[in-house]
């Protein structure tokens, strides 16, 4: 092992499904101006949602079906969105699209679309993200049932949790109840998740999506 090898940044490549690859396979069939227009439509798709009329108009010009155009735009939208979420480097983006077998000219065009639009896409995604509740405080109580009319001797523990949350400036509470075994399993899963968050890969992902 070479000295300093552990300090090299880990690659972050996109995992493109077969469906996404099929959608993107349409891009080499059109010229660069059309691909650039698809990039613009992809950003509009994120901002305002799908517009069938745009697909139909482009399909008539290209003499293909509107579904073909829509799939091409959706494939490009996924490529740009996932890349922007992770803020992957130029090299990682190029390596991600290299496996698609496109020409060097098309790969450069896709890279430029990514570099030109990634900040705007991240802004759009942040605006679309739901405002989820955040933790404020927690209260808990352990109740143990020692007997009932049907069973003279039994031990039935239950943990009652009162969770205080904040959302949109409002304060609300959720009351949950579970048994100790389930609670212990939940704690173990959370501890495992926290350990995974300490890995270099997770730290890089979290840093890039903030």
N, C-alpha and C. Protein backbone atom coordinates (compact mmCIF):
# COMPACT_ATOMS: atom_id res chain seq x y z
N UNK A 1 0.84 -1.19 0.00
CA UNK A 1 0.00 0.00 0.00
C UNK A 1 0.88 1.24 0.00
N UNK A 2 0.59 2.17 -0.91
CA UNK A 2 1.38 3.38 -1.00
C UNK A 2 1.04 4.32 0.14
N UNK A 3 2.04 5.08 0.56
CA UNK A 3 1.83 6.04 1.64
C UNK A 3 0.81 7.09 1.20
N UNK A 4 -0.11 7.37 2.08
CA UNK A 4 -1.13 8.38 1.79
C UNK A 4 -2.29 7.86 0.97
N UNK A 5 -2.31 6.52 0.69
CA UNK A 5 -3.37 5.99 -0.16
C UNK A 5 -4.74 6.15 0.48
N UNK A 6 -4.79 6.04 1.81
CA UNK A 6 -6.07 6.15 2.51
C UNK A 6 -6.66 7.56 2.43
N UNK A 7 -5.82 8.53 2.06
CA UNK A 7 -6.28 9.91 2.01
C UNK A 7 -6.95 10.25 0.68
N UNK A 8 -6.85 9.31 -0.31
CA UNK A 8 -7.45 9.58 -1.60
C UNK A 8 -8.97 9.61 -1.48
N UNK A 9 -9.63 10.59 -2.10
CA UNK A 9 -11.09 10.66 -1.99
C UNK A 9 -11.74 9.48 -2.70
N UNK A 10 -12.80 8.95 -2.10
CA UNK A 10 -13.50 7.82 -2.69
C UNK A 10 -14.34 8.29 -3.87
N UNK A 11 -14.43 7.45 -4.90
CA UNK A 11 -15.24 7.79 -6.05
C UNK A 11 -16.72 7.71 -5.69
N UNK A 12 -17.50 8.57 -6.32
CA UNK A 12 -18.94 8.55 -6.11
C UNK A 12 -19.60 8.51 -7.49
N UNK A 13 -19.89 7.30 -7.96
CA UNK A 13 -20.47 7.11 -9.28
C UNK A 13 -21.97 6.89 -9.17
N UNK A 14 -22.68 7.31 -10.20
CA UNK A 14 -24.13 7.12 -10.23
C UNK A 14 -24.46 5.67 -10.57
N UNK A 15 -25.50 5.16 -9.95
CA UNK A 15 -25.97 3.81 -10.22
C UNK A 15 -27.20 3.92 -11.13
N UNK A 16 -26.97 3.80 -12.43
CA UNK A 16 -28.04 3.95 -13.41
C UNK A 16 -28.68 2.60 -13.69
N UNK A 17 -29.99 2.53 -13.52
CA UNK A 17 -30.72 1.29 -13.78
C UNK A 17 -30.83 1.05 -15.28
N UNK A 18 -31.25 -0.15 -15.66
CA UNK A 18 -31.44 -0.47 -17.07
C UNK A 18 -32.49 0.44 -17.69
N UNK A 19 -33.53 0.76 -16.91
CA UNK A 19 -34.58 1.64 -17.43
C UNK A 19 -34.04 3.02 -17.75
N UNK A 20 -33.23 3.58 -16.84
CA UNK A 20 -32.65 4.90 -17.09
C UNK A 20 -31.70 4.88 -18.28
N UNK A 21 -30.96 3.79 -18.42
CA UNK A 21 -30.04 3.68 -19.56
C UNK A 21 -30.82 3.63 -20.87
N UNK A 22 -31.95 2.92 -20.87
CA UNK A 22 -32.78 2.86 -22.06
C UNK A 22 -33.34 4.23 -22.42
N UNK A 23 -33.75 4.99 -21.41
CA UNK A 23 -34.28 6.34 -21.66
C UNK A 23 -33.19 7.26 -22.22
N UNK A 24 -31.98 7.15 -21.69
CA UNK A 24 -30.89 8.00 -22.15
C UNK A 24 -30.36 7.58 -23.51
N UNK A 25 -30.67 6.35 -23.93
CA UNK A 25 -30.15 5.84 -25.21
C UNK A 25 -30.69 6.63 -26.40
N UNK A 26 -31.73 7.42 -26.17
CA UNK A 26 -32.30 8.23 -27.25
C UNK A 26 -31.43 9.44 -27.57
N UNK A 27 -30.64 9.89 -26.63
CA UNK A 27 -29.89 11.13 -26.80
C UNK A 27 -28.89 11.10 -27.97
N UNK A 28 -28.17 9.99 -28.21
CA UNK A 28 -27.23 9.99 -29.35
C UNK A 28 -27.92 10.11 -30.71
N UNK A 29 -29.24 9.94 -30.76
CA UNK A 29 -29.95 9.98 -32.03
C UNK A 29 -30.31 11.40 -32.46
N UNK A 30 -30.08 12.37 -31.58
CA UNK A 30 -30.41 13.76 -31.91
C UNK A 30 -29.16 14.61 -31.81
N UNK A 31 -29.21 15.81 -32.39
CA UNK A 31 -28.00 16.65 -32.37
C UNK A 31 -27.85 17.37 -31.04
N UNK A 32 -26.74 18.03 -30.87
CA UNK A 32 -26.39 18.65 -29.59
C UNK A 32 -27.38 19.73 -29.17
N UNK A 33 -27.94 20.45 -30.15
CA UNK A 33 -28.91 21.51 -29.82
C UNK A 33 -30.16 20.92 -29.18
N UNK A 34 -30.58 19.75 -29.65
CA UNK A 34 -31.76 19.10 -29.08
C UNK A 34 -31.46 18.61 -27.66
N UNK A 35 -30.27 18.05 -27.45
CA UNK A 35 -29.89 17.59 -26.11
C UNK A 35 -29.87 18.77 -25.14
N UNK A 36 -29.34 19.90 -25.60
CA UNK A 36 -29.31 21.09 -24.74
C UNK A 36 -30.73 21.55 -24.42
N UNK A 37 -31.64 21.46 -25.41
CA UNK A 37 -33.03 21.83 -25.18
C UNK A 37 -33.69 20.87 -24.19
N UNK A 38 -33.35 19.59 -24.30
CA UNK A 38 -33.85 18.61 -23.35
C UNK A 38 -33.38 18.94 -21.93
N UNK A 39 -32.16 19.44 -21.83
CA UNK A 39 -31.64 19.84 -20.52
C UNK A 39 -32.47 20.98 -19.94
N UNK A 40 -32.83 21.94 -20.79
CA UNK A 40 -33.66 23.06 -20.32
C UNK A 40 -35.04 22.55 -19.88
N UNK A 41 -35.61 21.63 -20.69
CA UNK A 41 -36.92 21.07 -20.35
C UNK A 41 -36.84 20.29 -19.04
N UNK A 42 -35.72 19.60 -18.83
CA UNK A 42 -35.55 18.82 -17.60
C UNK A 42 -35.60 19.72 -16.37
N UNK A 43 -34.95 20.87 -16.45
CA UNK A 43 -34.97 21.81 -15.32
C UNK A 43 -36.38 22.37 -15.13
N UNK A 44 -37.07 22.66 -16.24
CA UNK A 44 -38.45 23.13 -16.15
C UNK A 44 -39.36 22.05 -15.57
N UNK A 45 -39.06 20.81 -15.91
CA UNK A 45 -39.82 19.67 -15.38
C UNK A 45 -39.74 19.64 -13.86
N UNK A 46 -38.54 19.90 -13.33
CA UNK A 46 -38.37 19.93 -11.87
C UNK A 46 -39.10 21.11 -11.25
N UNK A 47 -39.07 22.24 -11.95
CA UNK A 47 -39.64 23.46 -11.38
C UNK A 47 -41.17 23.48 -11.46
N UNK A 48 -41.73 23.02 -12.57
CA UNK A 48 -43.17 23.20 -12.80
C UNK A 48 -43.92 21.89 -13.05
N UNK A 49 -43.21 20.79 -13.09
CA UNK A 49 -43.88 19.52 -13.36
C UNK A 49 -43.91 19.19 -14.84
N UNK A 50 -44.42 18.01 -15.15
CA UNK A 50 -44.46 17.53 -16.53
C UNK A 50 -45.45 18.32 -17.38
N UNK A 51 -45.09 18.53 -18.66
CA UNK A 51 -45.96 19.25 -19.59
C UNK A 51 -46.07 18.45 -20.89
N UNK A 52 -47.14 17.69 -21.06
CA UNK A 52 -47.30 16.85 -22.25
C UNK A 52 -47.21 17.62 -23.57
N UNK A 53 -47.66 18.88 -23.58
CA UNK A 53 -47.64 19.66 -24.82
C UNK A 53 -46.21 19.88 -25.31
N UNK A 54 -45.28 20.05 -24.37
CA UNK A 54 -43.88 20.24 -24.76
C UNK A 54 -43.35 18.97 -25.41
N UNK A 55 -43.69 17.82 -24.84
CA UNK A 55 -43.25 16.55 -25.41
C UNK A 55 -43.84 16.34 -26.80
N UNK A 56 -45.12 16.68 -26.96
CA UNK A 56 -45.78 16.49 -28.24
C UNK A 56 -45.17 17.39 -29.32
N UNK A 57 -44.87 18.63 -28.95
CA UNK A 57 -44.26 19.55 -29.91
C UNK A 57 -42.88 19.09 -30.33
N UNK A 58 -42.06 18.66 -29.37
CA UNK A 58 -40.72 18.18 -29.70
C UNK A 58 -40.80 16.89 -30.51
N UNK A 59 -41.78 16.04 -30.21
CA UNK A 59 -41.92 14.77 -30.93
C UNK A 59 -42.24 15.01 -32.40
N UNK A 60 -43.08 16.00 -32.68
CA UNK A 60 -43.42 16.31 -34.08
C UNK A 60 -42.20 16.80 -34.84
N UNK A 61 -41.39 17.63 -34.20
CA UNK A 61 -40.19 18.15 -34.86
C UNK A 61 -39.18 17.04 -35.14
N UNK A 62 -39.08 16.08 -34.21
CA UNK A 62 -38.09 15.01 -34.35
C UNK A 62 -38.65 13.79 -35.06
N UNK A 63 -39.96 13.81 -35.35
CA UNK A 63 -40.61 12.68 -36.01
C UNK A 63 -40.48 11.39 -35.20
N UNK A 64 -40.71 11.51 -33.91
CA UNK A 64 -40.72 10.34 -33.01
C UNK A 64 -41.96 10.44 -32.13
N UNK A 65 -42.20 9.41 -31.33
CA UNK A 65 -43.37 9.45 -30.45
C UNK A 65 -43.11 10.36 -29.27
N UNK A 66 -44.20 10.90 -28.69
CA UNK A 66 -44.06 11.79 -27.53
C UNK A 66 -43.52 11.01 -26.33
N UNK A 67 -43.84 9.71 -26.26
CA UNK A 67 -43.30 8.89 -25.17
C UNK A 67 -41.79 8.80 -25.24
N UNK A 68 -41.25 8.72 -26.46
CA UNK A 68 -39.80 8.66 -26.63
C UNK A 68 -39.15 9.94 -26.11
N UNK A 69 -39.75 11.07 -26.45
CA UNK A 69 -39.22 12.35 -25.97
C UNK A 69 -39.35 12.45 -24.45
N UNK A 70 -40.51 12.05 -23.93
CA UNK A 70 -40.72 12.12 -22.48
C UNK A 70 -39.71 11.25 -21.74
N UNK A 71 -39.48 10.05 -22.23
CA UNK A 71 -38.52 9.16 -21.58
C UNK A 71 -37.11 9.73 -21.64
N UNK A 72 -36.78 10.35 -22.78
CA UNK A 72 -35.46 10.97 -22.90
C UNK A 72 -35.26 12.09 -21.90
N UNK A 73 -36.29 12.94 -21.75
CA UNK A 73 -36.23 14.05 -20.79
C UNK A 73 -36.17 13.51 -19.37
N UNK A 74 -36.99 12.48 -19.08
CA UNK A 74 -37.00 11.92 -17.73
C UNK A 74 -35.65 11.27 -17.39
N UNK A 75 -35.04 10.61 -18.37
CA UNK A 75 -33.72 10.02 -18.13
C UNK A 75 -32.68 11.10 -17.86
N UNK A 76 -32.75 12.18 -18.62
CA UNK A 76 -31.82 13.29 -18.41
C UNK A 76 -32.09 13.98 -17.08
N UNK A 77 -33.37 14.09 -16.72
CA UNK A 77 -33.73 14.69 -15.43
C UNK A 77 -33.14 13.89 -14.29
N UNK A 78 -33.26 12.57 -14.37
CA UNK A 78 -32.70 11.72 -13.32
C UNK A 78 -31.19 11.87 -13.24
N UNK A 79 -30.53 11.88 -14.38
CA UNK A 79 -29.07 12.01 -14.42
C UNK A 79 -28.62 13.31 -13.76
N UNK A 80 -29.26 14.42 -14.13
CA UNK A 80 -28.87 15.72 -13.59
C UNK A 80 -29.26 15.86 -12.13
N UNK A 81 -30.42 15.33 -11.76
CA UNK A 81 -30.90 15.45 -10.38
C UNK A 81 -30.02 14.67 -9.42
N UNK A 82 -29.75 13.41 -9.73
CA UNK A 82 -28.93 12.59 -8.83
C UNK A 82 -27.52 13.13 -8.73
N UNK A 83 -26.96 13.60 -9.84
CA UNK A 83 -25.62 14.18 -9.82
C UNK A 83 -25.58 15.43 -8.96
N UNK A 84 -26.62 16.25 -9.08
CA UNK A 84 -26.68 17.50 -8.32
C UNK A 84 -26.89 17.24 -6.84
N UNK A 85 -27.70 16.24 -6.50
CA UNK A 85 -27.92 15.89 -5.10
C UNK A 85 -26.60 15.59 -4.41
N UNK A 86 -25.77 14.81 -5.09
CA UNK A 86 -24.50 14.36 -4.50
C UNK A 86 -23.36 15.32 -4.78
N UNK A 87 -23.60 16.31 -5.66
CA UNK A 87 -22.55 17.25 -6.07
C UNK A 87 -21.28 16.49 -6.44
N UNK A 88 -21.45 15.48 -7.29
CA UNK A 88 -20.30 14.66 -7.67
C UNK A 88 -19.33 15.49 -8.50
N UNK A 89 -18.08 15.11 -8.49
CA UNK A 89 -17.03 15.86 -9.20
C UNK A 89 -17.19 15.68 -10.71
N UNK A 90 -16.48 16.51 -11.45
CA UNK A 90 -16.51 16.40 -12.91
C UNK A 90 -16.03 15.03 -13.36
N UNK A 91 -14.96 14.55 -12.73
CA UNK A 91 -14.39 13.25 -13.11
C UNK A 91 -15.37 12.12 -12.83
N UNK A 92 -16.04 12.16 -11.66
CA UNK A 92 -17.00 11.12 -11.32
C UNK A 92 -18.21 11.16 -12.25
N UNK A 93 -18.62 12.35 -12.66
CA UNK A 93 -19.72 12.45 -13.61
C UNK A 93 -19.33 11.85 -14.95
N UNK A 94 -18.13 12.17 -15.41
CA UNK A 94 -17.67 11.62 -16.68
C UNK A 94 -17.57 10.10 -16.62
N UNK A 95 -17.08 9.58 -15.51
CA UNK A 95 -16.98 8.13 -15.35
C UNK A 95 -18.36 7.48 -15.30
N UNK A 96 -19.34 8.20 -14.73
CA UNK A 96 -20.69 7.67 -14.62
C UNK A 96 -21.36 7.53 -15.99
N UNK A 97 -21.15 8.52 -16.88
CA UNK A 97 -21.78 8.48 -18.19
C UNK A 97 -20.94 7.71 -19.20
N UNK A 98 -19.67 7.46 -18.87
CA UNK A 98 -18.79 6.72 -19.79
C UNK A 98 -19.35 5.34 -20.11
N UNK A 99 -19.97 4.70 -19.10
CA UNK A 99 -20.48 3.34 -19.27
C UNK A 99 -21.66 3.30 -20.24
N UNK A 100 -22.23 4.46 -20.57
CA UNK A 100 -23.36 4.49 -21.49
C UNK A 100 -22.93 4.33 -22.94
N UNK A 101 -21.63 4.48 -23.20
CA UNK A 101 -21.12 4.28 -24.55
C UNK A 101 -21.39 5.44 -25.49
N UNK A 102 -21.62 6.64 -24.96
CA UNK A 102 -21.87 7.80 -25.80
C UNK A 102 -20.56 8.30 -26.42
N UNK A 103 -20.71 9.17 -27.40
CA UNK A 103 -19.54 9.79 -28.02
C UNK A 103 -18.90 10.78 -27.06
N UNK A 104 -17.65 11.12 -27.31
CA UNK A 104 -16.95 12.08 -26.45
C UNK A 104 -17.64 13.44 -26.48
N UNK A 105 -18.15 13.81 -27.66
CA UNK A 105 -18.83 15.10 -27.79
C UNK A 105 -20.10 15.14 -26.92
N UNK A 106 -20.87 14.05 -26.94
CA UNK A 106 -22.10 14.00 -26.14
C UNK A 106 -21.78 13.97 -24.65
N UNK A 107 -20.74 13.25 -24.27
CA UNK A 107 -20.34 13.21 -22.86
C UNK A 107 -19.95 14.60 -22.36
N UNK A 108 -19.24 15.35 -23.19
CA UNK A 108 -18.84 16.71 -22.81
C UNK A 108 -20.07 17.61 -22.69
N UNK A 109 -21.04 17.42 -23.57
CA UNK A 109 -22.26 18.23 -23.53
C UNK A 109 -23.05 17.93 -22.25
N UNK A 110 -23.16 16.65 -21.89
CA UNK A 110 -23.87 16.28 -20.66
C UNK A 110 -23.15 16.85 -19.44
N UNK A 111 -21.83 16.81 -19.46
CA UNK A 111 -21.06 17.38 -18.35
C UNK A 111 -21.33 18.87 -18.22
N UNK A 112 -21.36 19.57 -19.35
CA UNK A 112 -21.61 21.01 -19.30
C UNK A 112 -23.01 21.31 -18.80
N UNK A 113 -24.00 20.49 -19.20
CA UNK A 113 -25.36 20.66 -18.69
C UNK A 113 -25.39 20.50 -17.18
N UNK A 114 -24.64 19.54 -16.69
CA UNK A 114 -24.58 19.31 -15.24
C UNK A 114 -23.94 20.49 -14.53
N UNK A 115 -22.80 20.95 -15.03
CA UNK A 115 -22.09 22.05 -14.38
C UNK A 115 -22.89 23.35 -14.42
N UNK A 116 -23.62 23.57 -15.52
CA UNK A 116 -24.38 24.81 -15.67
C UNK A 116 -25.64 24.83 -14.80
N UNK A 117 -26.19 23.66 -14.48
CA UNK A 117 -27.50 23.62 -13.84
C UNK A 117 -27.51 23.04 -12.43
N UNK A 118 -26.39 22.52 -11.94
CA UNK A 118 -26.44 21.79 -10.68
C UNK A 118 -26.86 22.66 -9.49
N UNK A 119 -26.41 23.90 -9.45
CA UNK A 119 -26.78 24.75 -8.32
C UNK A 119 -28.26 25.12 -8.36
N UNK A 120 -28.77 25.40 -9.55
CA UNK A 120 -30.19 25.71 -9.68
C UNK A 120 -31.04 24.50 -9.32
N UNK A 121 -30.60 23.32 -9.75
CA UNK A 121 -31.33 22.09 -9.46
C UNK A 121 -31.36 21.84 -7.96
N UNK A 122 -30.23 22.06 -7.29
CA UNK A 122 -30.18 21.87 -5.83
C UNK A 122 -31.11 22.86 -5.13
N UNK A 123 -31.20 24.08 -5.66
CA UNK A 123 -32.10 25.07 -5.08
C UNK A 123 -33.55 24.63 -5.25
N UNK A 124 -33.89 24.14 -6.44
CA UNK A 124 -35.26 23.67 -6.69
C UNK A 124 -35.60 22.50 -5.77
N UNK A 125 -34.67 21.55 -5.63
CA UNK A 125 -34.91 20.38 -4.79
C UNK A 125 -35.09 20.76 -3.33
N UNK A 126 -34.31 21.75 -2.88
CA UNK A 126 -34.44 22.19 -1.49
C UNK A 126 -35.79 22.85 -1.25
N UNK A 127 -36.32 23.55 -2.26
CA UNK A 127 -37.63 24.18 -2.13
C UNK A 127 -38.75 23.15 -2.14
N UNK A 128 -38.52 22.04 -2.83
CA UNK A 128 -39.53 20.99 -2.93
C UNK A 128 -39.51 20.05 -1.73
N UNK A 129 -38.42 20.08 -0.97
CA UNK A 129 -38.29 19.15 0.15
C UNK A 129 -39.34 19.44 1.22
N UNK A 130 -39.99 18.41 1.75
CA UNK A 130 -41.02 18.63 2.79
C UNK A 130 -40.40 19.12 4.09
N UNK A 131 -41.16 19.93 4.81
CA UNK A 131 -40.71 20.43 6.11
C UNK A 131 -41.09 19.39 7.17
N UNK A 132 -40.16 18.52 7.49
CA UNK A 132 -40.44 17.43 8.40
C UNK A 132 -40.33 17.88 9.86
N UNK A 133 -41.03 17.22 10.77
CA UNK A 133 -40.93 17.56 12.19
C UNK A 133 -39.51 17.36 12.71
N UNK A 134 -39.12 18.18 13.67
CA UNK A 134 -37.80 18.05 14.30
C UNK A 134 -37.97 17.76 15.80
N UNK A 135 -36.99 17.08 16.34
CA UNK A 135 -37.04 16.67 17.76
C UNK A 135 -36.88 17.87 18.68
N UNK A 136 -37.71 17.90 19.75
CA UNK A 136 -37.57 18.93 20.78
C UNK A 136 -37.18 18.32 22.12
N UNK A 137 -37.97 17.37 22.59
CA UNK A 137 -37.67 16.72 23.87
C UNK A 137 -38.46 15.42 23.96
N UNK A 138 -38.18 14.67 25.04
CA UNK A 138 -38.82 13.36 25.18
C UNK A 138 -39.05 13.05 26.65
N UNK A 139 -40.20 12.47 26.93
CA UNK A 139 -40.51 11.96 28.27
C UNK A 139 -40.86 10.47 28.16
N UNK A 140 -40.52 9.70 29.19
CA UNK A 140 -40.86 8.28 29.12
C UNK A 140 -41.26 7.75 30.50
N UNK A 141 -42.01 6.65 30.46
CA UNK A 141 -42.46 6.03 31.70
C UNK A 141 -42.51 4.51 31.49
N UNK A 142 -42.07 3.78 32.52
CA UNK A 142 -42.11 2.31 32.46
C UNK A 142 -43.25 1.82 33.35
N UNK A 143 -44.21 1.10 32.75
CA UNK A 143 -45.33 0.50 33.48
C UNK A 143 -45.18 -1.02 33.46
N UNK A 144 -45.44 -1.64 34.60
CA UNK A 144 -45.34 -3.10 34.70
C UNK A 144 -46.63 -3.64 35.28
N UNK A 145 -47.30 -4.48 34.52
CA UNK A 145 -48.52 -5.15 35.01
C UNK A 145 -48.11 -6.48 35.65
N UNK A 146 -48.39 -6.63 36.93
CA UNK A 146 -47.95 -7.82 37.67
C UNK A 146 -49.01 -8.91 37.70
N UNK A 147 -50.27 -8.55 37.56
CA UNK A 147 -51.32 -9.57 37.60
C UNK A 147 -52.60 -9.02 36.97
N UNK A 148 -53.48 -9.93 36.61
CA UNK A 148 -54.78 -9.57 36.07
C UNK A 148 -55.81 -10.56 36.60
N UNK A 149 -57.06 -10.38 36.24
CA UNK A 149 -58.09 -11.29 36.72
C UNK A 149 -57.90 -12.70 36.17
N UNK A 150 -57.40 -12.79 34.96
CA UNK A 150 -57.23 -14.11 34.34
C UNK A 150 -55.91 -14.76 34.75
N UNK A 151 -54.89 -13.94 34.98
CA UNK A 151 -53.58 -14.47 35.36
C UNK A 151 -53.14 -13.83 36.67
N UNK A 152 -53.01 -14.67 37.69
CA UNK A 152 -52.62 -14.15 39.01
C UNK A 152 -51.17 -13.65 39.02
N UNK A 153 -50.32 -14.37 38.29
CA UNK A 153 -48.89 -14.02 38.31
C UNK A 153 -48.42 -13.81 36.87
N UNK A 154 -48.06 -12.60 36.56
CA UNK A 154 -47.50 -12.28 35.24
C UNK A 154 -46.74 -10.96 35.35
N UNK A 155 -45.79 -10.82 34.46
CA UNK A 155 -45.03 -9.56 34.38
C UNK A 155 -45.13 -9.08 32.94
N UNK A 156 -45.80 -7.96 32.76
CA UNK A 156 -46.01 -7.43 31.42
C UNK A 156 -45.58 -5.95 31.39
N UNK A 157 -44.27 -5.71 31.09
CA UNK A 157 -43.78 -4.33 31.07
C UNK A 157 -44.16 -3.62 29.77
N UNK A 158 -44.33 -2.32 29.88
CA UNK A 158 -44.62 -1.48 28.71
C UNK A 158 -43.96 -0.13 28.90
N UNK A 159 -43.35 0.37 27.84
CA UNK A 159 -42.69 1.67 27.88
C UNK A 159 -43.55 2.68 27.13
N UNK A 160 -43.95 3.73 27.81
CA UNK A 160 -44.74 4.80 27.19
C UNK A 160 -43.82 6.00 26.95
N UNK A 161 -43.82 6.48 25.71
CA UNK A 161 -42.93 7.57 25.31
C UNK A 161 -43.77 8.75 24.83
N UNK A 162 -43.49 9.92 25.36
CA UNK A 162 -44.14 11.15 24.90
C UNK A 162 -43.10 11.99 24.18
N UNK A 163 -43.26 12.08 22.86
CA UNK A 163 -42.27 12.74 22.01
C UNK A 163 -42.76 14.14 21.66
N UNK A 164 -41.96 15.15 22.00
CA UNK A 164 -42.29 16.54 21.70
C UNK A 164 -41.57 16.96 20.42
N UNK A 165 -42.33 17.49 19.45
CA UNK A 165 -41.79 17.83 18.13
C UNK A 165 -42.08 19.29 17.78
N UNK A 166 -41.22 19.83 16.91
CA UNK A 166 -41.42 21.16 16.36
C UNK A 166 -41.62 21.04 14.85
N UNK A 167 -42.58 21.80 14.31
CA UNK A 167 -42.79 21.82 12.86
C UNK A 167 -43.48 23.11 12.48
N UNK A 168 -42.84 23.84 11.55
CA UNK A 168 -43.39 25.12 11.07
C UNK A 168 -43.69 26.09 12.22
N UNK A 169 -42.84 26.08 13.23
CA UNK A 169 -43.02 26.98 14.36
C UNK A 169 -44.03 26.51 15.39
N UNK A 170 -44.69 25.39 15.13
CA UNK A 170 -45.67 24.85 16.06
C UNK A 170 -45.07 23.71 16.88
N UNK A 171 -45.64 23.52 18.06
CA UNK A 171 -45.19 22.45 18.96
C UNK A 171 -46.29 21.40 19.08
N UNK A 172 -45.95 20.12 18.85
CA UNK A 172 -46.93 19.06 19.01
C UNK A 172 -46.28 17.84 19.65
N UNK A 173 -47.11 16.95 20.14
CA UNK A 173 -46.61 15.76 20.84
C UNK A 173 -47.19 14.50 20.23
N UNK A 174 -46.44 13.41 20.33
CA UNK A 174 -46.86 12.09 19.90
C UNK A 174 -46.64 11.13 21.08
N UNK A 175 -47.65 10.36 21.39
CA UNK A 175 -47.54 9.38 22.47
C UNK A 175 -47.42 7.99 21.85
N UNK A 176 -46.35 7.28 22.20
CA UNK A 176 -46.07 5.95 21.67
C UNK A 176 -45.94 4.97 22.82
N UNK A 177 -46.29 3.73 22.56
CA UNK A 177 -46.11 2.70 23.58
C UNK A 177 -45.58 1.43 22.94
N UNK A 178 -44.62 0.81 23.59
CA UNK A 178 -44.02 -0.41 23.07
C UNK A 178 -43.52 -1.27 24.23
N UNK A 179 -43.07 -2.48 23.91
CA UNK A 179 -42.48 -3.34 24.94
C UNK A 179 -40.98 -3.15 24.95
N UNK A 180 -40.31 -3.49 26.05
CA UNK A 180 -38.86 -3.27 26.15
C UNK A 180 -38.05 -3.96 25.05
N UNK A 181 -38.46 -5.16 24.62
CA UNK A 181 -37.70 -5.89 23.60
C UNK A 181 -37.70 -5.12 22.28
N UNK A 182 -38.87 -4.60 21.89
CA UNK A 182 -38.96 -3.82 20.65
C UNK A 182 -38.17 -2.53 20.77
N UNK A 183 -38.24 -1.89 21.93
CA UNK A 183 -37.49 -0.66 22.16
C UNK A 183 -35.99 -0.92 22.07
N UNK A 184 -35.54 -2.02 22.64
CA UNK A 184 -34.12 -2.38 22.59
C UNK A 184 -33.68 -2.59 21.14
N UNK A 185 -34.52 -3.27 20.36
CA UNK A 185 -34.19 -3.49 18.95
C UNK A 185 -34.09 -2.16 18.20
N UNK A 186 -35.01 -1.24 18.49
CA UNK A 186 -34.98 0.08 17.87
C UNK A 186 -33.70 0.83 18.22
N UNK A 187 -33.30 0.77 19.49
CA UNK A 187 -32.07 1.43 19.93
C UNK A 187 -30.87 0.85 19.20
N UNK A 188 -30.83 -0.47 19.05
CA UNK A 188 -29.72 -1.11 18.36
C UNK A 188 -29.64 -0.68 16.89
N UNK A 189 -30.80 -0.56 16.25
CA UNK A 189 -30.82 -0.13 14.85
C UNK A 189 -30.34 1.32 14.71
N UNK A 190 -30.74 2.17 15.65
CA UNK A 190 -30.30 3.57 15.62
C UNK A 190 -28.80 3.68 15.88
N UNK A 191 -28.29 2.88 16.80
CA UNK A 191 -26.86 2.88 17.07
C UNK A 191 -26.07 2.41 15.85
N UNK A 192 -26.61 1.42 15.15
CA UNK A 192 -25.96 0.94 13.93
C UNK A 192 -25.94 2.03 12.86
N UNK A 193 -27.06 2.76 12.74
CA UNK A 193 -27.13 3.85 11.77
C UNK A 193 -26.13 4.96 12.12
N UNK A 194 -25.99 5.26 13.41
CA UNK A 194 -25.03 6.28 13.83
C UNK A 194 -23.60 5.87 13.52
N UNK A 195 -23.30 4.57 13.68
CA UNK A 195 -21.96 4.08 13.35
C UNK A 195 -21.69 4.21 11.85
N UNK A 196 -22.71 3.91 11.04
CA UNK A 196 -22.55 4.02 9.59
C UNK A 196 -22.34 5.48 9.18
N UNK A 197 -22.95 6.40 9.93
CA UNK A 197 -22.78 7.82 9.62
C UNK A 197 -21.35 8.29 9.82
N UNK A 198 -20.56 7.52 10.56
CA UNK A 198 -19.17 7.89 10.82
C UNK A 198 -18.24 7.48 9.69
N UNK A 199 -18.73 6.66 8.75
CA UNK A 199 -17.88 6.21 7.65
C UNK A 199 -17.58 7.37 6.71
N UNK A 200 -16.47 7.28 6.01
CA UNK A 200 -16.07 8.35 5.10
C UNK A 200 -17.10 8.57 4.00
N UNK A 201 -17.69 7.47 3.51
CA UNK A 201 -18.67 7.60 2.42
C UNK A 201 -19.88 8.40 2.88
N UNK A 202 -20.42 8.05 4.05
CA UNK A 202 -21.62 8.75 4.55
C UNK A 202 -21.31 10.22 4.85
N UNK A 203 -20.13 10.46 5.40
CA UNK A 203 -19.77 11.85 5.70
C UNK A 203 -19.72 12.68 4.43
N UNK A 204 -19.21 12.07 3.36
CA UNK A 204 -19.10 12.81 2.11
C UNK A 204 -20.49 13.08 1.53
N UNK A 205 -21.38 12.09 1.60
CA UNK A 205 -22.73 12.27 1.10
C UNK A 205 -23.44 13.38 1.86
N UNK A 206 -23.36 13.34 3.20
CA UNK A 206 -24.03 14.36 4.03
C UNK A 206 -23.46 15.74 3.74
N UNK A 207 -22.15 15.83 3.60
CA UNK A 207 -21.52 17.11 3.32
C UNK A 207 -21.98 17.69 2.01
N UNK A 208 -22.19 16.83 1.01
CA UNK A 208 -22.55 17.31 -0.32
C UNK A 208 -24.02 17.65 -0.47
N UNK A 209 -24.88 17.08 0.38
CA UNK A 209 -26.31 17.37 0.23
C UNK A 209 -26.76 18.52 1.09
N UNK A 210 -25.89 19.05 1.94
CA UNK A 210 -26.28 20.19 2.78
C UNK A 210 -26.37 21.47 1.93
